[in-house]
PDB file of N, CA and C in Angstrom:
ATOM      1  N   MET A   1       4.840   7.967 -10.989  1.00  0.00           N
ATOM      2  CA  MET A   1       5.198   6.574 -11.065  1.00  0.00           C
ATOM      3  C   MET A   1       5.830   6.302 -12.424  1.00  0.00           C
ATOM      4  N   THR A   2       6.906   5.551 -12.417  1.00  0.00           N
ATOM      5  CA  THR A   2       7.564   5.157 -13.646  1.00  0.00           C
ATOM      6  C   THR A   2       7.075   3.773 -14.033  1.00  0.00           C
ATOM      7  N   LYS A   3       6.620   3.631 -15.256  1.00  0.00           N
ATOM      8  CA  LYS A   3       6.106   2.352 -15.739  1.00  0.00           C
ATOM      9  C   LYS A   3       7.275   1.479 -16.164  1.00  0.00           C
ATOM     10  N   LEU A   4       7.281   0.243 -15.709  1.00  0.00           N
ATOM     11  CA  LEU A   4       8.286  -0.738 -16.093  1.00  0.00           C
ATOM     12  C   LEU A   4       7.649  -1.742 -17.034  1.00  0.00           C
ATOM     13  N   THR A   5       8.452  -2.415 -17.820  1.00  0.00           N
ATOM     14  CA  THR A   5       7.922  -3.417 -18.732  1.00  0.00           C
ATOM     15  C   THR A   5       7.861  -4.775 -18.053  1.00  0.00           C
ATOM     16  N   PRO A   6       7.006  -5.681 -18.539  1.00  0.00           N
ATOM     17  CA  PRO A   6       6.883  -6.989 -17.911  1.00  0.00           C
ATOM     18  C   PRO A   6       8.202  -7.755 -17.849  1.00  0.00           C
ATOM     19  N   GLY A   7       9.097  -7.528 -18.784  1.00  0.00           N
ATOM     20  CA  GLY A   7      10.366  -8.234 -18.782  1.00  0.00           C
ATOM     21  C   GLY A   7      11.320  -7.789 -17.696  1.00  0.00           C
ATOM     22  N   ASP A   8      11.026  -6.670 -17.026  1.00  0.00           N
ATOM     23  CA  ASP A   8      11.907  -6.173 -15.978  1.00  0.00           C
ATOM     24  C   ASP A   8      11.937  -7.089 -14.760  1.00  0.00           C
ATOM     25  N   LEU A   9      10.856  -7.772 -14.486  1.00  0.00           N
ATOM     26  CA  LEU A   9      10.760  -8.666 -13.336  1.00  0.00           C
ATOM     27  C   LEU A   9       9.872  -9.849 -13.701  1.00  0.00           C
ATOM     28  N   ALA A  10      10.096 -10.971 -13.057  1.00  0.00           N
ATOM     29  CA  ALA A  10       9.172 -12.101 -13.216  1.00  0.00           C
ATOM     30  C   ALA A  10       7.920 -11.742 -12.423  1.00  0.00           C
ATOM     31  N   THR A  11       6.755 -11.771 -13.050  1.00  0.00           N
ATOM     32  CA  THR A  11       5.582 -11.230 -12.381  1.00  0.00           C
ATOM     33  C   THR A  11       4.332 -12.039 -12.634  1.00  0.00           C
ATOM     34  N   GLY A  12       3.310 -11.713 -11.851  1.00  0.00           N
ATOM     35  CA  GLY A  12       1.957 -12.172 -12.090  1.00  0.00           C
ATOM     36  C   GLY A  12       1.105 -10.993 -12.532  1.00  0.00           C
ATOM     37  N   THR A  13       1.752  -9.891 -12.909  1.00  0.00           N
ATOM     38  CA  THR A  13       1.070  -8.683 -13.349  1.00  0.00           C
ATOM     39  C   THR A  13       1.582  -8.321 -14.736  1.00  0.00           C
ATOM     40  N   ALA A  14       0.796  -7.607 -15.487  1.00  0.00           N
ATOM     41  CA  ALA A  14       1.225  -7.218 -16.835  1.00  0.00           C
ATOM     42  C   ALA A  14       2.224  -6.073 -16.805  1.00  0.00           C
ATOM     43  N   GLU A  15       2.128  -5.206 -15.813  1.00  0.00           N
ATOM     44  CA  GLU A  15       3.012  -4.043 -15.711  1.00  0.00           C
ATOM     45  C   GLU A  15       3.463  -3.859 -14.262  1.00  0.00           C
ATOM     46  N   TRP A  16       4.619  -3.263 -14.080  1.00  0.00           N
ATOM     47  CA  TRP A  16       5.109  -2.837 -12.768  1.00  0.00           C
ATOM     48  C   TRP A  16       5.277  -1.325 -12.818  1.00  0.00           C
ATOM     49  N   TYR A  17       5.058  -0.669 -11.693  1.00  0.00           N
ATOM     50  CA  TYR A  17       5.208   0.774 -11.590  1.00  0.00           C
ATOM     51  C   TYR A  17       6.125   1.080 -10.415  1.00  0.00           C
ATOM     52  N   ARG A  18       7.095   1.942 -10.631  1.00  0.00           N
ATOM     53  CA  ARG A  18       8.015   2.344  -9.574  1.00  0.00           C
ATOM     54  C   ARG A  18       7.468   3.614  -8.929  1.00  0.00           C
ATOM     55  N   ASP A  19       7.456   3.646  -7.607  1.00  0.00           N
ATOM     56  CA  ASP A  19       6.930   4.786  -6.876  1.00  0.00           C
ATOM     57  C   ASP A  19       7.798   6.022  -7.107  1.00  0.00           C
ATOM     58  N   GLY A  20       7.160   7.182  -7.208  1.00  0.00           N
ATOM     59  CA  GLY A  20       7.883   8.427  -7.436  1.00  0.00           C
ATOM     60  C   GLY A  20       8.605   8.949  -6.207  1.00  0.00           C
ATOM     61  N   LEU A  21       8.118   8.652  -5.001  1.00  0.00           N
ATOM     62  CA  LEU A  21       8.760   9.114  -3.775  1.00  0.00           C
ATOM     63  C   LEU A  21       9.826   8.146  -3.270  1.00  0.00           C
ATOM     64  N   ASN A  22       9.546   6.876  -3.370  1.00  0.00           N
ATOM     65  CA  ASN A  22      10.462   5.846  -2.878  1.00  0.00           C
ATOM     66  C   ASN A  22      10.760   4.918  -4.049  1.00  0.00           C
ATOM     67  N   ARG A  23      11.888   5.117  -4.693  1.00  0.00           N
ATOM     68  CA  ARG A  23      12.235   4.391  -5.920  1.00  0.00           C
ATOM     69  C   ARG A  23      12.439   2.888  -5.685  1.00  0.00           C
ATOM     70  N   HIS A  24      12.504   2.453  -4.436  1.00  0.00           N
ATOM     71  CA  HIS A  24      12.654   1.024  -4.135  1.00  0.00           C
ATOM     72  C   HIS A  24      11.311   0.301  -4.078  1.00  0.00           C
ATOM     73  N   MET A  25      10.236   1.064  -4.048  1.00  0.00           N
ATOM     74  CA  MET A  25       8.905   0.468  -3.922  1.00  0.00           C
ATOM     75  C   MET A  25       8.263   0.314  -5.299  1.00  0.00           C
ATOM     76  N   LEU A  26       7.714  -0.858  -5.549  1.00  0.00           N
ATOM     77  CA  LEU A  26       7.051  -1.165  -6.821  1.00  0.00           C
ATOM     78  C   LEU A  26       5.574  -1.434  -6.582  1.00  0.00           C
ATOM     79  N   TYR A  27       4.763  -1.197  -7.624  1.00  0.00           N
ATOM     80  CA  TYR A  27       3.328  -1.475  -7.590  1.00  0.00           C
ATOM     81  C   TYR A  27       2.959  -2.409  -8.728  1.00  0.00           C
ATOM     82  N   THR A  28       1.909  -3.177  -8.513  1.00  0.00           N
ATOM     83  CA  THR A  28       1.306  -3.959  -9.586  1.00  0.00           C
ATOM     84  C   THR A  28       0.224  -3.126 -10.268  1.00  0.00           C
ATOM     85  N   ASP A  29      -0.372  -3.671 -11.327  1.00  0.00           N
ATOM     86  CA  ASP A  29      -1.377  -2.966 -12.129  1.00  0.00           C
ATOM     87  C   ASP A  29      -2.535  -2.364 -11.325  1.00  0.00           C
ATOM     88  N   GLY A  30      -3.052  -3.106 -10.377  1.00  0.00           N
ATOM     89  CA  GLY A  30      -4.250  -2.673  -9.672  1.00  0.00           C
ATOM     90  C   GLY A  30      -4.046  -1.480  -8.762  1.00  0.00           C
ATOM     91  N   VAL A  31      -2.829  -1.267  -8.298  1.00  0.00           N
ATOM     92  CA  VAL A  31      -2.581  -0.207  -7.330  1.00  0.00           C
ATOM     93  C   VAL A  31      -2.707   1.185  -7.947  1.00  0.00           C
ATOM     94  N   PRO A  32      -2.085   1.478  -9.106  1.00  0.00           N
ATOM     95  CA  PRO A  32      -2.318   2.789  -9.710  1.00  0.00           C
ATOM     96  C   PRO A  32      -3.777   2.994 -10.125  1.00  0.00           C
ATOM     97  N   TYR A  33      -4.438   1.914 -10.512  1.00  0.00           N
ATOM     98  CA  TYR A  33      -5.861   1.995 -10.847  1.00  0.00           C
ATOM     99  C   TYR A  33      -6.659   2.434  -9.616  1.00  0.00           C
ATOM    100  N   LEU A  34      -6.384   1.801  -8.472  1.00  0.00           N
ATOM    101  CA  LEU A  34      -7.048   2.164  -7.222  1.00  0.00           C
ATOM    102  C   LEU A  34      -6.755   3.617  -6.864  1.00  0.00           C
ATOM    103  N   ALA A  35      -5.498   4.021  -6.987  1.00  0.00           N
ATOM    104  CA  ALA A  35      -5.112   5.392  -6.633  1.00  0.00           C
ATOM    105  C   ALA A  35      -5.840   6.408  -7.500  1.00  0.00           C
ATOM    106  N   GLU A  36      -5.937   6.128  -8.778  1.00  0.00           N
ATOM    107  CA  GLU A  36      -6.604   7.054  -9.696  1.00  0.00           C
ATOM    108  C   GLU A  36      -8.118   7.051  -9.483  1.00  0.00           C
ATOM    109  N   LYS A  37      -8.701   5.871  -9.451  1.00  0.00           N
ATOM    110  CA  LYS A  37     -10.161   5.744  -9.360  1.00  0.00           C
ATOM    111  C   LYS A  37     -10.697   6.245  -8.027  1.00  0.00           C
ATOM    112  N   ASP A  38     -10.003   5.934  -6.952  1.00  0.00           N
ATOM    113  CA  ASP A  38     -10.507   6.241  -5.609  1.00  0.00           C
ATOM    114  C   ASP A  38      -9.758   7.383  -4.924  1.00  0.00           C
ATOM    115  N   GLY A  39      -8.898   8.075  -5.643  1.00  0.00           N
ATOM    116  CA  GLY A  39      -8.184   9.206  -5.057  1.00  0.00           C
ATOM    117  C   GLY A  39      -7.291   8.799  -3.905  1.00  0.00           C
ATOM    118  N   ALA A  40      -6.546   7.727  -4.090  1.00  0.00           N
ATOM    119  CA  ALA A  40      -5.752   7.176  -2.990  1.00  0.00           C
ATOM    120  C   ALA A  40      -4.247   7.386  -3.151  1.00  0.00           C
ATOM    121  N   TYR A  41      -3.844   8.359  -3.943  1.00  0.00           N
ATOM    122  CA  TYR A  41      -2.411   8.623  -4.050  1.00  0.00           C
ATOM    123  C   TYR A  41      -1.812   8.980  -2.689  1.00  0.00           C
ATOM    124  N   TRP A  42      -2.577   9.656  -1.857  1.00  0.00           N
ATOM    125  CA  TRP A  42      -2.089  10.011  -0.521  1.00  0.00           C
ATOM    126  C   TRP A  42      -1.746   8.763   0.287  1.00  0.00           C
ATOM    127  N   LEU A  43      -2.540   7.705   0.111  1.00  0.00           N
ATOM    128  CA  LEU A  43      -2.296   6.459   0.841  1.00  0.00           C
ATOM    129  C   LEU A  43      -1.000   5.808   0.359  1.00  0.00           C
ATOM    130  N   LEU A  44      -0.783   5.790  -0.950  1.00  0.00           N
ATOM    131  CA  LEU A  44       0.451   5.228  -1.487  1.00  0.00           C
ATOM    132  C   LEU A  44       1.653   6.051  -1.052  1.00  0.00           C
ATOM    133  N   ASP A  45       1.510   7.379  -1.029  1.00  0.00           N
ATOM    134  CA  ASP A  45       2.594   8.242  -0.552  1.00  0.00           C
ATOM    135  C   ASP A  45       2.912   7.960   0.908  1.00  0.00           C
ATOM    136  N   LYS A  46       1.886   7.756   1.710  1.00  0.00           N
ATOM    137  CA  LYS A  46       2.068   7.457   3.131  1.00  0.00           C
ATOM    138  C   LYS A  46       2.840   6.143   3.295  1.00  0.00           C
ATOM    139  N   ILE A  47       2.432   5.114   2.557  1.00  0.00           N
ATOM    140  CA  ILE A  47       3.111   3.814   2.639  1.00  0.00           C
ATOM    141  C   ILE A  47       4.549   3.939   2.152  1.00  0.00           C
ATOM    142  N   ALA A  48       4.766   4.679   1.069  1.00  0.00           N
ATOM    143  CA  ALA A  48       6.123   4.860   0.527  1.00  0.00           C
ATOM    144  C   ALA A  48       7.030   5.551   1.536  1.00  0.00           C
ATOM    145  N   CYS A  49       6.541   6.599   2.158  1.00  0.00           N
ATOM    146  CA  CYS A  49       7.354   7.333   3.141  1.00  0.00           C
ATOM    147  C   CYS A  49       7.633   6.500   4.382  1.00  0.00           C
ATOM    148  N   LEU A  50       6.651   5.714   4.809  1.00  0.00           N
ATOM    149  CA  LEU A  50       6.835   4.904   6.008  1.00  0.00           C
ATOM    150  C   LEU A  50       7.821   3.755   5.788  1.00  0.00           C
ATOM    151  N   GLN A  51       8.135   3.427   4.535  1.00  0.00           N
ATOM    152  CA  GLN A  51       9.152   2.410   4.264  1.00  0.00           C
ATOM    153  C   GLN A  51      10.526   2.849   4.787  1.00  0.00           C
ATOM    154  N   LEU A  52      10.693   4.139   5.016  1.00  0.00           N
ATOM    155  CA  LEU A  52      11.962   4.666   5.531  1.00  0.00           C
ATOM    156  C   LEU A  52      12.136   4.417   7.021  1.00  0.00           C
ATOM    157  N   GLU A  53      11.040   4.058   7.701  1.00  0.00           N
ATOM    158  CA  GLU A  53      11.137   3.674   9.115  1.00  0.00           C
ATOM    159  C   GLU A  53      11.810   2.309   9.186  1.00  0.00           C
ATOM    160  N   PRO A  54      12.902   2.183   9.947  1.00  0.00           N
ATOM    161  CA  PRO A  54      13.657   0.912   9.964  1.00  0.00           C
ATOM    162  C   PRO A  54      12.804  -0.317  10.267  1.00  0.00           C
ATOM    163  N   LYS A  55      11.908  -0.221  11.223  1.00  0.00           N
ATOM    164  CA  LYS A  55      11.082  -1.373  11.601  1.00  0.00           C
ATOM    165  C   LYS A  55      10.178  -1.806  10.448  1.00  0.00           C
ATOM    166  N   ILE A  56       9.673  -0.855   9.698  1.00  0.00           N
ATOM    167  CA  ILE A  56       8.770  -1.164   8.587  1.00  0.00           C
ATOM    168  C   ILE A  56       9.557  -1.600   7.361  1.00  0.00           C
ATOM    169  N   GLY A  57      10.566  -0.826   6.984  1.00  0.00           N
ATOM    170  CA  GLY A  57      11.356  -1.132   5.796  1.00  0.00           C
ATOM    171  C   GLY A  57      12.051  -2.484   5.852  1.00  0.00           C
ATOM    172  N   ALA A  58      12.365  -2.939   7.058  1.00  0.00           N
ATOM    173  CA  ALA A  58      13.051  -4.229   7.210  1.00  0.00           C
ATOM    174  C   ALA A  58      12.103  -5.416   7.083  1.00  0.00           C
ATOM    175  N   GLU A  59      10.805  -5.173   7.197  1.00  0.00           N
ATOM    176  CA  GLU A  59       9.827  -6.264   7.131  1.00  0.00           C
ATOM    177  C   GLU A  59       9.620  -6.672   5.678  1.00  0.00           C
ATOM    178  N   GLU A  60       9.877  -7.947   5.384  1.00  0.00           N
ATOM    179  CA  GLU A  60       9.778  -8.430   4.005  1.00  0.00           C
ATOM    180  C   GLU A  60       8.354  -8.436   3.478  1.00  0.00           C
ATOM    181  N   PHE A  61       7.394  -8.724   4.347  1.00  0.00           N
ATOM    182  CA  PHE A  61       5.992  -8.743   3.912  1.00  0.00           C
ATOM    183  C   PHE A  61       5.188  -7.868   4.858  1.00  0.00           C
ATOM    184  N   GLN A  62       4.363  -7.023   4.281  1.00  0.00           N
ATOM    185  CA  GLN A  62       3.557  -6.098   5.064  1.00  0.00           C
ATOM    186  C   GLN A  62       2.107  -6.182   4.607  1.00  0.00           C
ATOM    187  N   VAL A  63       1.195  -6.025   5.554  1.00  0.00           N
ATOM    188  CA  VAL A  63      -0.222  -5.889   5.235  1.00  0.00           C
ATOM    189  C   VAL A  63      -0.668  -4.543   5.785  1.00  0.00           C
ATOM    190  N   TRP A  64      -1.097  -3.674   4.872  1.00  0.00           N
ATOM    191  CA  TRP A  64      -1.593  -2.347   5.228  1.00  0.00           C
ATOM    192  C   TRP A  64      -3.111  -2.382   5.164  1.00  0.00           C
ATOM    193  N   ARG A  65      -3.752  -1.939   6.237  1.00  0.00           N
ATOM    194  CA  ARG A  65      -5.212  -1.916   6.291  1.00  0.00           C
ATOM    195  C   ARG A  65      -5.678  -0.499   6.614  1.00  0.00           C
ATOM    196  N   LEU A  66      -6.589  -0.010   5.796  1.00  0.00           N
ATOM    197  CA  LEU A  66      -7.216   1.281   6.055  1.00  0.00           C
ATOM    198  C   LEU A  66      -8.676   1.019   6.377  1.00  0.00           C
ATOM    199  N   GLN A  67      -9.102   1.438   7.552  1.00  0.00           N
ATOM    200  CA  GLN A  67     -10.493   1.286   7.998  1.00  0.00           C
ATOM    201  C   GLN A  67     -11.094   2.685   8.123  1.00  0.00           C
ATOM    202  N   VAL A  68     -12.118   2.978   7.320  1.00  0.00           N
ATOM    203  CA  VAL A  68     -12.769   4.286   7.344  1.00  0.00           C
ATOM    204  C   VAL A  68     -13.981   4.209   8.271  1.00  0.00           C
ATOM    205  N   MET A  69     -14.073   5.185   9.181  1.00  0.00           N
ATOM    206  CA  MET A  69     -15.164   5.231  10.155  1.00  0.00           C
ATOM    207  C   MET A  69     -16.339   6.046   9.595  1.00  0.00           C
ATOM    208  N   ASP A  70     -17.476   5.961  10.276  1.00  0.00           N
ATOM    209  CA  ASP A  70     -18.679   6.684   9.845  1.00  0.00           C
ATOM    210  C   ASP A  70     -18.470   8.189   9.780  1.00  0.00           C
ATOM    211  N   ASN A  71     -17.629   8.739  10.639  1.00  0.00           N
ATOM    212  CA  ASN A  71     -17.403  10.187  10.667  1.00  0.00           C
ATOM    213  C   ASN A  71     -16.321  10.631   9.678  1.00  0.00           C
ATOM    214  N   ARG A  72     -15.887   9.731   8.792  1.00  0.00           N
ATOM    215  CA  ARG A  72     -14.878   9.971   7.744  1.00  0.00           C
ATOM    216  C   ARG A  72     -13.461  10.063   8.293  1.00  0.00           C
ATOM    217  N   SER A  73     -13.266   9.746   9.564  1.00  0.00           N
ATOM    218  CA  SER A  73     -11.905   9.560  10.051  1.00  0.00           C
ATOM    219  C   SER A  73     -11.501   8.137   9.661  1.00  0.00           C
ATOM    220  N   ALA A  74     -10.239   7.804   9.857  1.00  0.00           N
ATOM    221  CA  ALA A  74      -9.779   6.468   9.466  1.00  0.00           C
ATOM    222  C   ALA A  74      -8.651   6.017  10.375  1.00  0.00           C
ATOM    223  N   ARG A  75      -8.366   4.745  10.308  1.00  0.00           N
ATOM    224  CA  ARG A  75      -7.230   4.165  11.019  1.00  0.00           C
ATOM    225  C   ARG A  75      -6.429   3.384   9.994  1.00  0.00           C
ATOM    226  N   LEU A  76      -5.131   3.669   9.955  1.00  0.00           N
ATOM    227  CA  LEU A  76      -4.208   2.959   9.077  1.00  0.00           C
ATOM    228  C   LEU A  76      -3.299   2.099   9.938  1.00  0.00           C
ATOM    229  N   VAL A  77      -3.262   0.808   9.647  1.00  0.00           N
ATOM    230  CA  VAL A  77      -2.454  -0.141  10.418  1.00  0.00           C
ATOM    231  C   VAL A  77      -1.629  -0.975   9.458  1.00  0.00           C
ATOM    232  N   CYS A  78      -0.372  -1.178   9.815  1.00  0.00           N
ATOM    233  CA  CYS A  78       0.505  -2.080   9.075  1.00  0.00           C
ATOM    234  C   CYS A  78       0.935  -3.186  10.021  1.00  0.00           C
ATOM    235  N   ASP A  79       0.793  -4.432   9.569  1.00  0.00           N
ATOM    236  CA  ASP A  79       1.304  -5.553  10.356  1.00  0.00           C
ATOM    237  C   ASP A  79       2.140  -6.457   9.467  1.00  0.00           C
ATOM    238  N   ASP A  80       2.720  -7.467  10.077  1.00  0.00           N
ATOM    239  CA  ASP A  80       3.643  -8.339   9.354  1.00  0.00           C
ATOM    240  C   ASP A  80       2.957  -9.455   8.586  1.00  0.00           C
ATOM    241  N   GLY A  81       1.634  -9.525   8.635  1.00  0.00           N
ATOM    242  CA  GLY A  81       0.893 -10.516   7.857  1.00  0.00           C
ATOM    243  C   GLY A  81       0.992 -11.931   8.382  1.00  0.00           C
ATOM    244  N   ASN A  82       1.634 -12.140   9.523  1.00  0.00           N
ATOM    245  CA  ASN A  82       1.733 -13.470  10.112  1.00  0.00           C
ATOM    246  C   ASN A  82       0.529 -13.730  11.006  1.00  0.00           C
ATOM    247  N   ALA A  83       0.435 -14.931  11.523  1.00  0.00           N
ATOM    248  CA  ALA A  83      -0.686 -15.295  12.388  1.00  0.00           C
ATOM    249  C   ALA A  83      -0.759 -14.386  13.617  1.00  0.00           C
ATOM    250  N   THR A  84       0.380 -13.880  14.066  1.00  0.00           N
ATOM    251  CA  THR A  84       0.392 -13.012  15.240  1.00  0.00           C
ATOM    252  C   THR A  84       0.028 -11.577  14.891  1.00  0.00           C
ATOM    253  N   ASP A  85       0.087 -11.218  13.593  1.00  0.00           N
ATOM    254  CA  ASP A  85      -0.217  -9.857  13.137  1.00  0.00           C
ATOM    255  C   ASP A  85       0.497  -8.806  13.985  1.00  0.00           C
ATOM    256  N   ALA A  86       1.809  -8.936  14.122  1.00  0.00           N
ATOM    257  CA  ALA A  86       2.586  -7.967  14.876  1.00  0.00           C
ATOM    258  C   ALA A  86       2.465  -6.600  14.215  1.00  0.00           C
ATOM    259  N   VAL A  87       1.944  -5.636  14.944  1.00  0.00           N
ATOM    260  CA  VAL A  87       1.715  -4.294  14.400  1.00  0.00           C
ATOM    261  C   VAL A  87       3.044  -3.560  14.263  1.00  0.00           C
ATOM    262  N   LEU A  88       3.306  -3.093  13.039  1.00  0.00           N
ATOM    263  CA  LEU A  88       4.513  -2.332  12.741  1.00  0.00           C
ATOM    264  C   LEU A  88       4.246  -0.834  12.790  1.00  0.00           C
ATOM    265  N   HIS A  89       3.017  -0.448  12.473  1.00  0.00           N
ATOM    266  CA  HIS A  89       2.646   0.965  12.462  1.00  0.00           C
ATOM    267  C   HIS A  89       1.140   1.076  12.599  1.00  0.00           C
ATOM    268  N   SER A  90       0.709   2.093  13.337  1.00  0.00           N
ATOM    269  CA  SER A  90      -0.710   2.375  13.479  1.00  0.00           C
ATOM    270  C   SER A  90      -0.880   3.871  13.654  1.00  0.00           C
ATOM    271  N   GLU A  91      -1.848   4.440  12.949  1.00  0.00           N
ATOM    272  CA  GLU A  91      -2.114   5.866  13.119  1.00  0.00           C
ATOM    273  C   GLU A  91      -3.565   6.173  12.787  1.00  0.00           C
ATOM    274  N   ASP A  92      -4.060   7.222  13.436  1.00  0.00           N
ATOM    275  CA  ASP A  92      -5.392   7.728  13.146  1.00  0.00           C
ATOM    276  C   ASP A  92      -5.276   8.848  12.127  1.00  0.00           C
ATOM    277  N   ILE A  93      -6.235   8.901  11.231  1.00  0.00           N
ATOM    278  CA  ILE A  93      -6.300   9.928  10.197  1.00  0.00           C
ATOM    279  C   ILE A  93      -7.575  10.717  10.461  1.00  0.00           C
ATOM    280  N   ASP A  94      -7.428  12.024  10.650  1.00  0.00           N
ATOM    281  CA  ASP A  94      -8.559  12.863  11.041  1.00  0.00           C
ATOM    282  C   ASP A  94      -9.682  12.885  10.017  1.00  0.00           C
ATOM    283  N   PHE A  95      -9.338  12.894   8.729  1.00  0.00           N
ATOM    284  CA  PHE A  95     -10.366  12.941   7.688  1.00  0.00           C
ATOM    285  C   PHE A  95      -9.857  12.278   6.428  1.00  0.00           C
ATOM    286  N   THR A  96     -10.739  11.562   5.758  1.00  0.00           N
ATOM    287  CA  THR A  96     -10.464  11.020   4.433  1.00  0.00           C
ATOM    288  C   THR A  96     -11.759  10.982   3.631  1.00  0.00           C
ATOM    289  N   ASP A  97     -11.627  11.164   2.342  1.00  0.00           N
ATOM    290  CA  ASP A  97     -12.783  10.990   1.460  1.00  0.00           C
ATOM    291  C   ASP A  97     -12.661   9.679   0.677  1.00  0.00           C
ATOM    292  N   PHE A  98     -11.785   8.772   1.164  1.00  0.00           N
ATOM    293  CA  PHE A  98     -11.637   7.464   0.534  1.00  0.00           C
ATOM    294  C   PHE A  98     -13.004   6.791   0.494  1.00  0.00           C
ATOM    295  N   PRO A  99     -13.452   6.321  -0.673  1.00  0.00           N
ATOM    296  CA  PRO A  99     -14.840   5.878  -0.820  1.00  0.00           C
ATOM    297  C   PRO A  99     -15.169   4.496  -0.251  1.00  0.00           C
ATOM    298  N   LEU A 100     -14.188   3.668   0.024  1.00  0.00           N
ATOM    299  CA  LEU A 100     -14.457   2.325   0.544  1.00  0.00           C
ATOM    300  C   LEU A 100     -14.417   2.349   2.072  1.00  0.00           C
ATOM    301  N   ASP A 101     -15.146   1.422   2.689  1.00  0.00           N
ATOM    302  CA  ASP A 101     -15.131   1.320   4.154  1.00  0.00           C
ATOM    303  C   ASP A 101     -13.805   0.789   4.661  1.00  0.00           C
ATOM    304  N   ASP A 102     -13.189  -0.074   3.892  1.00  0.00           N
ATOM    305  CA  ASP A 102     -11.892  -0.623   4.271  1.00  0.00           C
ATOM    306  C   ASP A 102     -11.189  -1.169   3.044  1.00  0.00           C
ATOM    307  N   ILE A 103      -9.899  -1.287   3.165  1.00  0.00           N
ATOM    308  CA  ILE A 103      -9.099  -1.874   2.098  1.00  0.00           C
ATOM    309  C   ILE A 103      -7.839  -2.459   2.719  1.00  0.00           C
ATOM    310  N   ALA A 104      -7.350  -3.531   2.121  1.00  0.00           N
ATOM    311  CA  ALA A 104      -6.070  -4.118   2.500  1.00  0.00           C
ATOM    312  C   ALA A 104      -5.150  -4.046   1.286  1.00  0.00           C
ATOM    313  N   ILE A 105      -3.917  -3.693   1.539  1.00  0.00           N
ATOM    314  CA  ILE A 105      -2.886  -3.645   0.503  1.00  0.00           C
ATOM    315  C   ILE A 105      -1.722  -4.461   1.033  1.00  0.00           C
ATOM    316  N   TRP A 106      -1.183  -5.338   0.213  1.00  0.00           N
ATOM    317  CA  TRP A 106      -0.127  -6.233   0.655  1.00  0.00           C
ATOM    318  C   TRP A 106       1.236  -5.762   0.201  1.00  0.00           C
ATOM    319  N   GLY A 107       2.202  -6.031   1.049  1.00  0.00           N
ATOM    320  CA  GLY A 107       3.599  -6.009   0.677  1.00  0.00           C
ATOM    321  C   GLY A 107       4.312  -4.686   0.679  1.00  0.00           C
ATOM    322  N   ASN A 108       5.643  -4.761   0.550  1.00  0.00           N
ATOM    323  CA  ASN A 108       6.416  -3.561   0.273  1.00  0.00           C
ATOM    324  C   ASN A 108       6.688  -3.490  -1.226  1.00  0.00           C
ATOM    325  N   VAL A 109       6.412  -4.566  -1.959  1.00  0.00           N
ATOM    326  CA  VAL A 109       6.099  -4.501  -3.386  1.00  0.00           C
ATOM    327  C   VAL A 109       4.580  -4.529  -3.361  1.00  0.00           C
ATOM    328  N   ILE A 110       3.950  -3.400  -3.606  1.00  0.00           N
ATOM    329  CA  ILE A 110       2.549  -3.206  -3.276  1.00  0.00           C
ATOM    330  C   ILE A 110       1.627  -3.855  -4.305  1.00  0.00           C
ATOM    331  N   LEU A 111       0.721  -4.689  -3.800  1.00  0.00           N
ATOM    332  CA  LEU A 111      -0.295  -5.306  -4.634  1.00  0.00           C
ATOM    333  C   LEU A 111      -1.583  -5.416  -3.865  1.00  0.00           C
ATOM    334  N   LEU A 112      -2.658  -5.501  -4.589  1.00  0.00           N
ATOM    335  CA  LEU A 112      -3.954  -5.739  -3.957  1.00  0.00           C
ATOM    336  C   LEU A 112      -4.085  -7.248  -3.725  1.00  0.00           C
ATOM    337  N   PRO A 113      -4.750  -7.658  -2.648  1.00  0.00           N
ATOM    338  CA  PRO A 113      -4.912  -9.105  -2.396  1.00  0.00           C
ATOM    339  C   PRO A 113      -5.491  -9.850  -3.592  1.00  0.00           C
ATOM    340  N   SER A 114      -6.347  -9.210  -4.367  1.00  0.00           N
ATOM    341  CA  SER A 114      -6.943  -9.875  -5.522  1.00  0.00           C
ATOM    342  C   SER A 114      -5.934 -10.134  -6.637  1.00  0.00           C
ATOM    343  N   GLU A 115      -4.763  -9.508  -6.580  1.00  0.00           N
ATOM    344  CA  GLU A 115      -3.740  -9.708  -7.603  1.00  0.00           C
ATOM    345  C   GLU A 115      -2.753 -10.813  -7.247  1.00  0.00           C
ATOM    346  N   HIS A 116      -2.909 -11.407  -6.088  1.00  0.00           N
ATOM    347  CA  HIS A 116      -1.977 -12.458  -5.635  1.00  0.00           C
ATOM    348  C   HIS A 116      -2.227 -13.729  -6.389  1.00  0.00           C
TER     349      HIS A 116
END
């Protein structure tokens, strides 16, 4: 991730980070912290790569939800964040060691809901 300075964009975050796989995707402060603390770089890589899917990349606002099951499998779902929650992507993940039961990540400029 390339660190950007606060002056690069008008923000509600102190720093912006550009994704290493998808240079069009930006993160707020909390996202690299989550990736480092909880070993979630794979999740950010997955979201970055899926931005190349026309249906997903064209959506201005995205809500990504990871739900971890008791057997350590997971389900990753992306929707448009509207009242209808139109699903843009859904997949099962055979195994994850992600420590939280669930998490939501907003946007194609990626931020945690608590950073909004």
